[in-house]
Amino acid sequence: LTLFAQIILLALGLSKSGFTAMRAAVGTGAIIFSFAML
């Protein structure tokens, strides 16, 4: 559930702050790191 909340918050953060390639890459890396820590 923590991973699910992280994915939802990243999607909302991307939509609120504006989608760029750099933000998408950082968000993807953060989720990969989060899954590894899970």
Full PDB file with SEQRES, HELIX, SHEET, SSBOND, CRYST1, ORIGX, SCALE, CONECT and MASTER records, all heavy atoms in Angstrom:
SEQRES   1 A   38  LEU THR LEU PHE ALA GLN ILE ILE LEU LEU ALA LEU GLY          
SEQRES   2 A   38  LEU SER LYS SER GLY PHE THR ALA MET ARG ALA ALA VAL          
SEQRES   3 A   38  GLY THR GLY ALA ILE ILE PHE SER PHE ALA MET LEU              
HELIX    1 AA1 THR A    2  SER A   17  1                                  16    
HELIX    2 AA2 ALA A   21  MET A   37  1                                  17    
CRYST1    1.000    1.000    1.000  90.00  90.00  90.00 P 1           1          
ORIGX1      1.000000  0.000000  0.000000        0.00000                         
ORIGX2      0.000000  1.000000  0.000000        0.00000                         
ORIGX3      0.000000  0.000000  1.000000        0.00000                         
SCALE1      1.000000  0.000000  0.000000        0.00000                         
SCALE2      0.000000  1.000000  0.000000        0.00000                         
SCALE3      0.000000  0.000000  1.000000        0.00000                         
ATOM      1  N   LEU A   1       0.826  -1.207   0.000  1.00  0.00           N  
ATOM      2  CA  LEU A   1       0.000   0.000   0.000  1.00  0.00           C  
ATOM      3  C   LEU A   1       0.862   1.259   0.000  1.00  0.00           C  
ATOM      4  O   LEU A   1       0.486   2.276  -0.598  1.00  0.00           O  
ATOM      5  CB  LEU A   1      -0.947  -0.006   1.197  1.00  0.00           C  
ATOM      6  CG  LEU A   1      -2.096  -1.010   1.113  1.00  0.00           C  
ATOM      7  CD1 LEU A   1      -2.875  -1.039   2.417  1.00  0.00           C  
ATOM      8  CD2 LEU A   1      -3.003  -0.702  -0.056  1.00  0.00           C  
ATOM      9  N   THR A   2       2.005   1.209   0.651  1.00  0.00           N  
ATOM     10  CA  THR A   2       2.922   2.350   0.606  1.00  0.00           C  
ATOM     11  C   THR A   2       3.428   2.578  -0.814  1.00  0.00           C  
ATOM     12  O   THR A   2       3.475   3.714  -1.286  1.00  0.00           O  
ATOM     13  CB  THR A   2       4.104   2.126   1.570  1.00  0.00           C  
ATOM     14  OG1 THR A   2       3.597   1.900   2.880  1.00  0.00           O  
ATOM     15  CG2 THR A   2       5.033   3.322   1.595  1.00  0.00           C  
ATOM     16  N   LEU A   3       3.779   1.505  -1.508  1.00  0.00           N  
ATOM     17  CA  LEU A   3       4.219   1.625  -2.904  1.00  0.00           C  
ATOM     18  C   LEU A   3       3.097   2.178  -3.773  1.00  0.00           C  
ATOM     19  O   LEU A   3       3.333   3.048  -4.626  1.00  0.00           O  
ATOM     20  CB  LEU A   3       4.698   0.282  -3.442  1.00  0.00           C  
ATOM     21  CG  LEU A   3       5.211   0.289  -4.887  1.00  0.00           C  
ATOM     22  CD1 LEU A   3       6.510   1.085  -4.985  1.00  0.00           C  
ATOM     23  CD2 LEU A   3       5.414  -1.117  -5.393  1.00  0.00           C  
ATOM     24  N   PHE A   4       1.878   1.711  -3.564  1.00  0.00           N  
ATOM     25  CA  PHE A   4       0.732   2.217  -4.322  1.00  0.00           C  
ATOM     26  C   PHE A   4       0.547   3.714  -4.074  1.00  0.00           C  
ATOM     27  O   PHE A   4       0.333   4.491  -5.016  1.00  0.00           O  
ATOM     28  CB  PHE A   4      -0.530   1.443  -3.927  1.00  0.00           C  
ATOM     29  CG  PHE A   4      -1.756   1.874  -4.655  1.00  0.00           C  
ATOM     30  CD1 PHE A   4      -1.936   1.577  -5.989  1.00  0.00           C  
ATOM     31  CD2 PHE A   4      -2.746   2.580  -3.985  1.00  0.00           C  
ATOM     32  CE1 PHE A   4      -3.073   1.980  -6.667  1.00  0.00           C  
ATOM     33  CE2 PHE A   4      -3.887   2.988  -4.646  1.00  0.00           C  
ATOM     34  CZ  PHE A   4      -4.049   2.688  -5.991  1.00  0.00           C  
ATOM     35  N   ALA A   5       0.639   4.150  -2.817  1.00  0.00           N  
ATOM     36  CA  ALA A   5       0.516   5.575  -2.491  1.00  0.00           C  
ATOM     37  C   ALA A   5       1.643   6.381  -3.128  1.00  0.00           C  
ATOM     38  O   ALA A   5       1.417   7.508  -3.608  1.00  0.00           O  
ATOM     39  CB  ALA A   5       0.514   5.766  -0.975  1.00  0.00           C  
ATOM     40  N   GLN A   6       2.847   5.827  -3.169  1.00  0.00           N  
ATOM     41  CA  GLN A   6       3.963   6.528  -3.780  1.00  0.00           C  
ATOM     42  C   GLN A   6       3.731   6.729  -5.277  1.00  0.00           C  
ATOM     43  O   GLN A   6       4.010   7.804  -5.815  1.00  0.00           O  
ATOM     44  CB  GLN A   6       5.261   5.755  -3.549  1.00  0.00           C  
ATOM     45  CG  GLN A   6       5.707   5.775  -2.117  1.00  0.00           C  
ATOM     46  CD  GLN A   6       6.797   4.773  -1.816  1.00  0.00           C  
ATOM     47  OE1 GLN A   6       6.851   3.703  -2.424  1.00  0.00           O  
ATOM     48  NE2 GLN A   6       7.656   5.100  -0.869  1.00  0.00           N  
ATOM     49  N   ILE A   7       3.229   5.704  -5.947  1.00  0.00           N  
ATOM     50  CA  ILE A   7       2.966   5.816  -7.387  1.00  0.00           C  
ATOM     51  C   ILE A   7       1.881   6.854  -7.653  1.00  0.00           C  
ATOM     52  O   ILE A   7       2.018   7.695  -8.552  1.00  0.00           O  
ATOM     53  CB  ILE A   7       2.580   4.435  -7.963  1.00  0.00           C  
ATOM     54  CG1 ILE A   7       3.787   3.508  -7.925  1.00  0.00           C  
ATOM     55  CG2 ILE A   7       2.045   4.563  -9.384  1.00  0.00           C  
ATOM     56  CD1 ILE A   7       3.466   2.061  -8.237  1.00  0.00           C  
ATOM     57  N   ILE A   8       0.811   6.828  -6.862  1.00  0.00           N  
ATOM     58  CA  ILE A   8      -0.279   7.794  -7.037  1.00  0.00           C  
ATOM     59  C   ILE A   8       0.221   9.210  -6.791  1.00  0.00           C  
ATOM     60  O   ILE A   8      -0.077  10.132  -7.564  1.00  0.00           O  
ATOM     61  CB  ILE A   8      -1.459   7.457  -6.096  1.00  0.00           C  
ATOM     62  CG1 ILE A   8      -2.072   6.116  -6.467  1.00  0.00           C  
ATOM     63  CG2 ILE A   8      -2.509   8.559  -6.101  1.00  0.00           C  
ATOM     64  CD1 ILE A   8      -2.655   6.047  -7.852  1.00  0.00           C  
ATOM     65  N   LEU A   9       0.993   9.420  -5.723  1.00  0.00           N  
ATOM     66  CA  LEU A   9       1.496  10.764  -5.428  1.00  0.00           C  
ATOM     67  C   LEU A   9       2.469  11.255  -6.493  1.00  0.00           C  
ATOM     68  O   LEU A   9       2.482  12.444  -6.820  1.00  0.00           O  
ATOM     69  CB  LEU A   9       2.139  10.796  -4.049  1.00  0.00           C  
ATOM     70  CG  LEU A   9       1.159  10.713  -2.886  1.00  0.00           C  
ATOM     71  CD1 LEU A   9       1.899  10.659  -1.559  1.00  0.00           C  
ATOM     72  CD2 LEU A   9       0.199  11.884  -2.906  1.00  0.00           C  
ATOM     73  N   LEU A  10       3.281  10.362  -7.055  1.00  0.00           N  
ATOM     74  CA  LEU A  10       4.164  10.778  -8.144  1.00  0.00           C  
ATOM     75  C   LEU A  10       3.363  11.168  -9.381  1.00  0.00           C  
ATOM     76  O   LEU A  10       3.693  12.151 -10.052  1.00  0.00           O  
ATOM     77  CB  LEU A  10       5.159   9.677  -8.483  1.00  0.00           C  
ATOM     78  CG  LEU A  10       6.430   9.681  -7.663  1.00  0.00           C  
ATOM     79  CD1 LEU A  10       7.250   8.437  -7.944  1.00  0.00           C  
ATOM     80  CD2 LEU A  10       7.257  10.912  -7.937  1.00  0.00           C  
ATOM     81  N   ALA A  11       2.318  10.414  -9.687  1.00  0.00           N  
ATOM     82  CA  ALA A  11       1.473  10.761 -10.831  1.00  0.00           C  
ATOM     83  C   ALA A  11       0.791  12.114 -10.612  1.00  0.00           C  
ATOM     84  O   ALA A  11       0.737  12.949 -11.528  1.00  0.00           O  
ATOM     85  CB  ALA A  11       0.445   9.672 -11.078  1.00  0.00           C  
ATOM     86  N   LEU A  12       0.285  12.342  -9.405  1.00  0.00           N  
ATOM     87  CA  LEU A  12      -0.330  13.634  -9.107  1.00  0.00           C  
ATOM     88  C   LEU A  12       0.691  14.766  -9.134  1.00  0.00           C  
ATOM     89  O   LEU A  12       0.402  15.866  -9.613  1.00  0.00           O  
ATOM     90  CB  LEU A  12      -1.025  13.586  -7.743  1.00  0.00           C  
ATOM     91  CG  LEU A  12      -2.278  12.722  -7.657  1.00  0.00           C  
ATOM     92  CD1 LEU A  12      -2.768  12.630  -6.224  1.00  0.00           C  
ATOM     93  CD2 LEU A  12      -3.357  13.259  -8.566  1.00  0.00           C  
ATOM     94  N   GLY A  13       1.881  14.500  -8.620  1.00  0.00           N  
ATOM     95  CA  GLY A  13       2.936  15.510  -8.656  1.00  0.00           C  
ATOM     96  C   GLY A  13       3.346  15.858 -10.068  1.00  0.00           C  
ATOM     97  O   GLY A  13       3.591  17.025 -10.391  1.00  0.00           O  
ATOM     98  N   LEU A  14       3.423  14.844 -10.927  1.00  0.00           N  
ATOM     99  CA  LEU A  14       3.734  15.100 -12.336  1.00  0.00           C  
ATOM    100  C   LEU A  14       2.642  15.919 -13.006  1.00  0.00           C  
ATOM    101  O   LEU A  14       2.929  16.848 -13.775  1.00  0.00           O  
ATOM    102  CB  LEU A  14       3.930  13.787 -13.099  1.00  0.00           C  
ATOM    103  CG  LEU A  14       5.314  13.194 -13.106  1.00  0.00           C  
ATOM    104  CD1 LEU A  14       5.302  11.821 -13.769  1.00  0.00           C  
ATOM    105  CD2 LEU A  14       6.295  14.101 -13.816  1.00  0.00           C  
ATOM    106  N   SER A  15       1.406  15.593 -12.729  1.00  0.00           N  
ATOM    107  CA  SER A  15       0.321  16.329 -13.367  1.00  0.00           C  
ATOM    108  C   SER A  15       0.227  17.750 -12.843  1.00  0.00           C  
ATOM    109  O   SER A  15      -0.101  18.670 -13.582  1.00  0.00           O  
ATOM    110  CB  SER A  15      -1.008  15.603 -13.170  1.00  0.00           C  
ATOM    111  OG  SER A  15      -1.398  15.645 -11.821  1.00  0.00           O  
ATOM    112  N   LYS A  16       0.526  17.957 -11.579  1.00  0.00           N  
ATOM    113  CA  LYS A  16       0.437  19.285 -10.969  1.00  0.00           C  
ATOM    114  C   LYS A  16       1.616  20.176 -11.368  1.00  0.00           C  
ATOM    115  O   LYS A  16       1.445  21.351 -11.606  1.00  0.00           O  
ATOM    116  CB  LYS A  16       0.401  19.121  -9.453  1.00  0.00           C  
ATOM    117  CG  LYS A  16      -0.106  20.293  -8.726  1.00  0.00           C  
ATOM    118  CD  LYS A  16      -1.594  20.223  -8.642  1.00  0.00           C  
ATOM    119  CE  LYS A  16      -2.070  21.122  -7.548  1.00  0.00           C  
ATOM    120  NZ  LYS A  16      -3.292  21.795  -7.906  1.00  0.00           N  
ATOM    121  N   SER A  17       2.816  19.598 -11.441  1.00  0.00           N  
ATOM    122  CA  SER A  17       4.021  20.385 -11.717  1.00  0.00           C  
ATOM    123  C   SER A  17       4.347  20.484 -13.199  1.00  0.00           C  
ATOM    124  O   SER A  17       5.222  21.250 -13.572  1.00  0.00           O  
ATOM    125  CB  SER A  17       5.218  19.777 -10.979  1.00  0.00           C  
ATOM    126  OG  SER A  17       5.012  19.807  -9.600  1.00  0.00           O  
ATOM    127  N   GLY A  18       3.713  19.680 -14.008  1.00  0.00           N  
ATOM    128  CA  GLY A  18       4.021  19.698 -15.436  1.00  0.00           C  
ATOM    129  C   GLY A  18       4.911  18.530 -15.809  1.00  0.00           C  
ATOM    130  O   GLY A  18       5.900  18.236 -15.143  1.00  0.00           O  
ATOM    131  N   PHE A  19       4.550  17.867 -16.891  1.00  0.00           N  
ATOM    132  CA  PHE A  19       5.270  16.671 -17.326  1.00  0.00           C  
ATOM    133  C   PHE A  19       6.451  17.068 -18.208  1.00  0.00           C  
ATOM    134  O   PHE A  19       6.286  17.730 -19.215  1.00  0.00           O  
ATOM    135  CB  PHE A  19       4.325  15.757 -18.110  1.00  0.00           C  
ATOM    136  CG  PHE A  19       4.936  14.448 -18.493  1.00  0.00           C  
ATOM    137  CD1 PHE A  19       4.948  13.399 -17.611  1.00  0.00           C  
ATOM    138  CD2 PHE A  19       5.528  14.285 -19.732  1.00  0.00           C  
ATOM    139  CE1 PHE A  19       5.518  12.189 -17.956  1.00  0.00           C  
ATOM    140  CE2 PHE A  19       6.103  13.082 -20.086  1.00  0.00           C  
ATOM    141  CZ  PHE A  19       6.096  12.040 -19.198  1.00  0.00           C  
ATOM    142  N   THR A  20       7.655  16.667 -17.796  1.00  0.00           N  
ATOM    143  CA  THR A  20       8.848  16.827 -18.622  1.00  0.00           C  
ATOM    144  C   THR A  20       9.573  15.485 -18.645  1.00  0.00           C  
ATOM    145  O   THR A  20       9.324  14.615 -17.806  1.00  0.00           O  
ATOM    146  CB  THR A  20       9.799  17.905 -18.069  1.00  0.00           C  
ATOM    147  OG1 THR A  20      10.279  17.492 -16.795  1.00  0.00           O  
ATOM    148  CG2 THR A  20       9.117  19.261 -17.957  1.00  0.00           C  
ATOM    149  N   ALA A  21      10.465  15.328 -19.590  1.00  0.00           N  
ATOM    150  CA  ALA A  21      11.207  14.074 -19.696  1.00  0.00           C  
ATOM    151  C   ALA A  21      12.086  13.851 -18.462  1.00  0.00           C  
ATOM    152  O   ALA A  21      12.223  12.718 -17.984  1.00  0.00           O  
ATOM    153  CB  ALA A  21      12.049  14.063 -20.960  1.00  0.00           C  
ATOM    154  N   MET A  22      12.674  14.906 -17.949  1.00  0.00           N  
ATOM    155  CA  MET A  22      13.536  14.774 -16.769  1.00  0.00           C  
ATOM    156  C   MET A  22      12.722  14.348 -15.548  1.00  0.00           C  
ATOM    157  O   MET A  22      13.141  13.476 -14.779  1.00  0.00           O  
ATOM    158  CB  MET A  22      14.257  16.086 -16.485  1.00  0.00           C  
ATOM    159  CG  MET A  22      15.202  16.013 -15.299  1.00  0.00           C  
ATOM    160  SD  MET A  22      16.498  14.789 -15.490  1.00  0.00           S  
ATOM    161  CE  MET A  22      17.549  15.608 -16.632  1.00  0.00           C  
ATOM    162  N   ARG A  23      11.556  14.941 -15.363  1.00  0.00           N  
ATOM    163  CA  ARG A  23      10.711  14.554 -14.230  1.00  0.00           C  
ATOM    164  C   ARG A  23      10.225  13.118 -14.378  1.00  0.00           C  
ATOM    165  O   ARG A  23      10.130  12.383 -13.396  1.00  0.00           O  
ATOM    166  CB  ARG A  23       9.532  15.501 -14.098  1.00  0.00           C  
ATOM    167  CG  ARG A  23       9.928  16.843 -13.536  1.00  0.00           C  
ATOM    168  CD  ARG A  23       8.735  17.718 -13.311  1.00  0.00           C  
ATOM    169  NE  ARG A  23       9.160  18.987 -12.748  1.00  0.00           N  
ATOM    170  CZ  ARG A  23       8.536  20.114 -12.922  1.00  0.00           C  
ATOM    171  NH1 ARG A  23       7.425  20.157 -13.645  1.00  0.00           N  
ATOM    172  NH2 ARG A  23       8.996  21.218 -12.390  1.00  0.00           N  
ATOM    173  N   ALA A  24       9.916  12.715 -15.588  1.00  0.00           N  
ATOM    174  CA  ALA A  24       9.485  11.330 -15.815  1.00  0.00           C  
ATOM    175  C   ALA A  24      10.617  10.357 -15.478  1.00  0.00           C  
ATOM    176  O   ALA A  24      10.389   9.311 -14.865  1.00  0.00           O  
ATOM    177  CB  ALA A  24       9.038  11.149 -17.254  1.00  0.00           C  
ATOM    178  N   ALA A  25      11.847  10.701 -15.860  1.00  0.00           N  
ATOM    179  CA  ALA A  25      12.994   9.843 -15.562  1.00  0.00           C  
ATOM    180  C   ALA A  25      13.262   9.779 -14.064  1.00  0.00           C  
ATOM    181  O   ALA A  25      13.524   8.695 -13.509  1.00  0.00           O  
ATOM    182  CB  ALA A  25      14.225  10.348 -16.311  1.00  0.00           C  
ATOM    183  N   VAL A  26      13.186  10.908 -13.390  1.00  0.00           N  
ATOM    184  CA  VAL A  26      13.408  10.939 -11.945  1.00  0.00           C  
ATOM    185  C   VAL A  26      12.308  10.163 -11.228  1.00  0.00           C  
ATOM    186  O   VAL A  26      12.578   9.389 -10.299  1.00  0.00           O  
ATOM    187  CB  VAL A  26      13.489  12.396 -11.437  1.00  0.00           C  
ATOM    188  CG1 VAL A  26      13.436  12.459  -9.916  1.00  0.00           C  
ATOM    189  CG2 VAL A  26      14.750  13.056 -11.944  1.00  0.00           C  
ATOM    190  N   GLY A  27      11.072  10.337 -11.653  1.00  0.00           N  
ATOM    191  CA  GLY A  27       9.962   9.607 -11.048  1.00  0.00           C  
ATOM    192  C   GLY A  27      10.087   8.108 -11.250  1.00  0.00           C  
ATOM    193  O   GLY A  27       9.844   7.319 -10.335  1.00  0.00           O  
ATOM    194  N   THR A  28      10.492   7.695 -12.447  1.00  0.00           N  
ATOM    195  CA  THR A  28      10.681   6.275 -12.721  1.00  0.00           C  
ATOM    196  C   THR A  28      11.809   5.702 -11.868  1.00  0.00           C  
ATOM    197  O   THR A  28      11.680   4.614 -11.296  1.00  0.00           O  
ATOM    198  CB  THR A  28      10.982   6.055 -14.211  1.00  0.00           C  
ATOM    199  OG1 THR A  28       9.907   6.601 -14.978  1.00  0.00           O  
ATOM    200  CG2 THR A  28      11.150   4.593 -14.532  1.00  0.00           C  
ATOM    201  N   GLY A  29      12.887   6.427 -11.755  1.00  0.00           N  
ATOM    202  CA  GLY A  29      13.996   5.980 -10.904  1.00  0.00           C  
ATOM    203  C   GLY A  29      13.601   5.888  -9.448  1.00  0.00           C  
ATOM    204  O   GLY A  29      13.999   4.952  -8.745  1.00  0.00           O  
ATOM    205  N   ALA A  30      12.788   6.840  -8.981  1.00  0.00           N  
ATOM    206  CA  ALA A  30      12.342   6.815  -7.587  1.00  0.00           C  
ATOM    207  C   ALA A  30      11.448   5.607  -7.323  1.00  0.00           C  
ATOM    208  O   ALA A  30      11.556   4.965  -6.274  1.00  0.00           O  
ATOM    209  CB  ALA A  30      11.611   8.111  -7.242  1.00  0.00           C  
ATOM    210  N   ILE A  31      10.594   5.258  -8.273  1.00  0.00           N  
ATOM    211  CA  ILE A  31       9.714   4.103  -8.090  1.00  0.00           C  
ATOM    212  C   ILE A  31      10.518   2.800  -8.152  1.00  0.00           C  
ATOM    213  O   ILE A  31      10.248   1.856  -7.394  1.00  0.00           O  
ATOM    214  CB  ILE A  31       8.576   4.119  -9.124  1.00  0.00           C  
ATOM    215  CG1 ILE A  31       7.595   5.228  -8.758  1.00  0.00           C  
ATOM    216  CG2 ILE A  31       7.856   2.792  -9.207  1.00  0.00           C  
ATOM    217  CD1 ILE A  31       6.953   5.076  -7.398  1.00  0.00           C  
ATOM    218  N   ILE A  32      11.493   2.728  -9.034  1.00  0.00           N  
ATOM    219  CA  ILE A  32      12.352   1.533  -9.083  1.00  0.00           C  
ATOM    220  C   ILE A  32      13.100   1.364  -7.760  1.00  0.00           C  
ATOM    221  O   ILE A  32      13.181   0.256  -7.215  1.00  0.00           O  
ATOM    222  CB  ILE A  32      13.313   1.604 -10.285  1.00  0.00           C  
ATOM    223  CG1 ILE A  32      12.523   1.458 -11.584  1.00  0.00           C  
ATOM    224  CG2 ILE A  32      14.411   0.550 -10.185  1.00  0.00           C  
ATOM    225  CD1 ILE A  32      13.328   1.752 -12.834  1.00  0.00           C  
ATOM    226  N   PHE A  33      13.635   2.458  -7.223  1.00  0.00           N  
ATOM    227  CA  PHE A  33      14.309   2.415  -5.927  1.00  0.00           C  
ATOM    228  C   PHE A  33      13.340   1.983  -4.834  1.00  0.00           C  
ATOM    229  O   PHE A  33      13.671   1.154  -3.974  1.00  0.00           O  
ATOM    230  CB  PHE A  33      14.910   3.790  -5.596  1.00  0.00           C  
ATOM    231  CG  PHE A  33      15.534   3.865  -4.241  1.00  0.00           C  
ATOM    232  CD1 PHE A  33      16.802   3.357  -4.020  1.00  0.00           C  
ATOM    233  CD2 PHE A  33      14.852   4.435  -3.173  1.00  0.00           C  
ATOM    234  CE1 PHE A  33      17.380   3.417  -2.762  1.00  0.00           C  
ATOM    235  CE2 PHE A  33      15.417   4.494  -1.917  1.00  0.00           C  
ATOM    236  CZ  PHE A  33      16.685   3.991  -1.710  1.00  0.00           C  
ATOM    237  N   SER A  34      12.132   2.529  -4.869  1.00  0.00           N  
ATOM    238  CA  SER A  34      11.138   2.189  -3.866  1.00  0.00           C  
ATOM    239  C   SER A  34      10.756   0.710  -3.932  1.00  0.00           C  
ATOM    240  O   SER A  34      10.595   0.057  -2.895  1.00  0.00           O  
ATOM    241  CB  SER A  34       9.890   3.057  -4.059  1.00  0.00           C  
ATOM    242  OG  SER A  34       8.925   2.734  -3.112  1.00  0.00           O  
ATOM    243  N   PHE A  35      10.639   0.172  -5.133  1.00  0.00           N  
ATOM    244  CA  PHE A  35      10.307  -1.249  -5.272  1.00  0.00           C  
ATOM    245  C   PHE A  35      11.452  -2.128  -4.772  1.00  0.00           C  
ATOM    246  O   PHE A  35      11.220  -3.150  -4.125  1.00  0.00           O  
ATOM    247  CB  PHE A  35       9.976  -1.585  -6.727  1.00  0.00           C  
ATOM    248  CG  PHE A  35       9.505  -2.984  -6.917  1.00  0.00           C  
ATOM    249  CD1 PHE A  35       8.264  -3.382  -6.455  1.00  0.00           C  
ATOM    250  CD2 PHE A  35      10.309  -3.924  -7.539  1.00  0.00           C  
ATOM    251  CE1 PHE A  35       7.830  -4.685  -6.607  1.00  0.00           C  
ATOM    252  CE2 PHE A  35       9.883  -5.232  -7.698  1.00  0.00           C  
ATOM    253  CZ  PHE A  35       8.643  -5.614  -7.231  1.00  0.00           C  
ATOM    254  N   ALA A  36      12.682  -1.721  -5.036  1.00  0.00           N  
ATOM    255  CA  ALA A  36      13.836  -2.475  -4.531  1.00  0.00           C  
ATOM    256  C   ALA A  36      13.861  -2.456  -3.002  1.00  0.00           C  
ATOM    257  O   ALA A  36      14.121  -3.482  -2.360  1.00  0.00           O  
ATOM    258  CB  ALA A  36      15.128  -1.899  -5.095  1.00  0.00           C  
ATOM    259  N   MET A  37      13.561  -1.294  -2.407  1.00  0.00           N  
ATOM    260  CA  MET A  37      13.514  -1.217  -0.948  1.00  0.00           C  
ATOM    261  C   MET A  37      12.361  -2.025  -0.390  1.00  0.00           C  
ATOM    262  O   MET A  37      12.478  -2.618   0.681  1.00  0.00           O  
ATOM    263  CB  MET A  37      13.391   0.243  -0.488  1.00  0.00           C  
ATOM    264  CG  MET A  37      14.648   1.053  -0.704  1.00  0.00           C  
ATOM    265  SD  MET A  37      16.073   0.369   0.166  1.00  0.00           S  
ATOM    266  CE  MET A  37      16.929  -0.479  -1.124  1.00  0.00           C  
ATOM    267  N   LEU A  38      11.246  -2.095  -1.119  1.00  0.00           N  
ATOM    268  CA  LEU A  38      10.120  -2.926  -0.689  1.00  0.00           C  
ATOM    269  C   LEU A  38      10.570  -4.365  -0.537  1.00  0.00           C  
ATOM    270  O   LEU A  38      10.275  -5.021   0.466  1.00  0.00           O  
ATOM    271  CB  LEU A  38       8.977  -2.829  -1.699  1.00  0.00           C  
ATOM    272  CG  LEU A  38       7.737  -3.666  -1.425  1.00  0.00           C  
ATOM    273  CD1 LEU A  38       6.506  -2.917  -1.883  1.00  0.00           C  
ATOM    274  CD2 LEU A  38       7.792  -5.008  -2.099  1.00  0.00           C  
TER     275      LEU A  38                                                      
MASTER        0    0    0    2    0    0    0    6  274    1    0    3          
END                                                                             
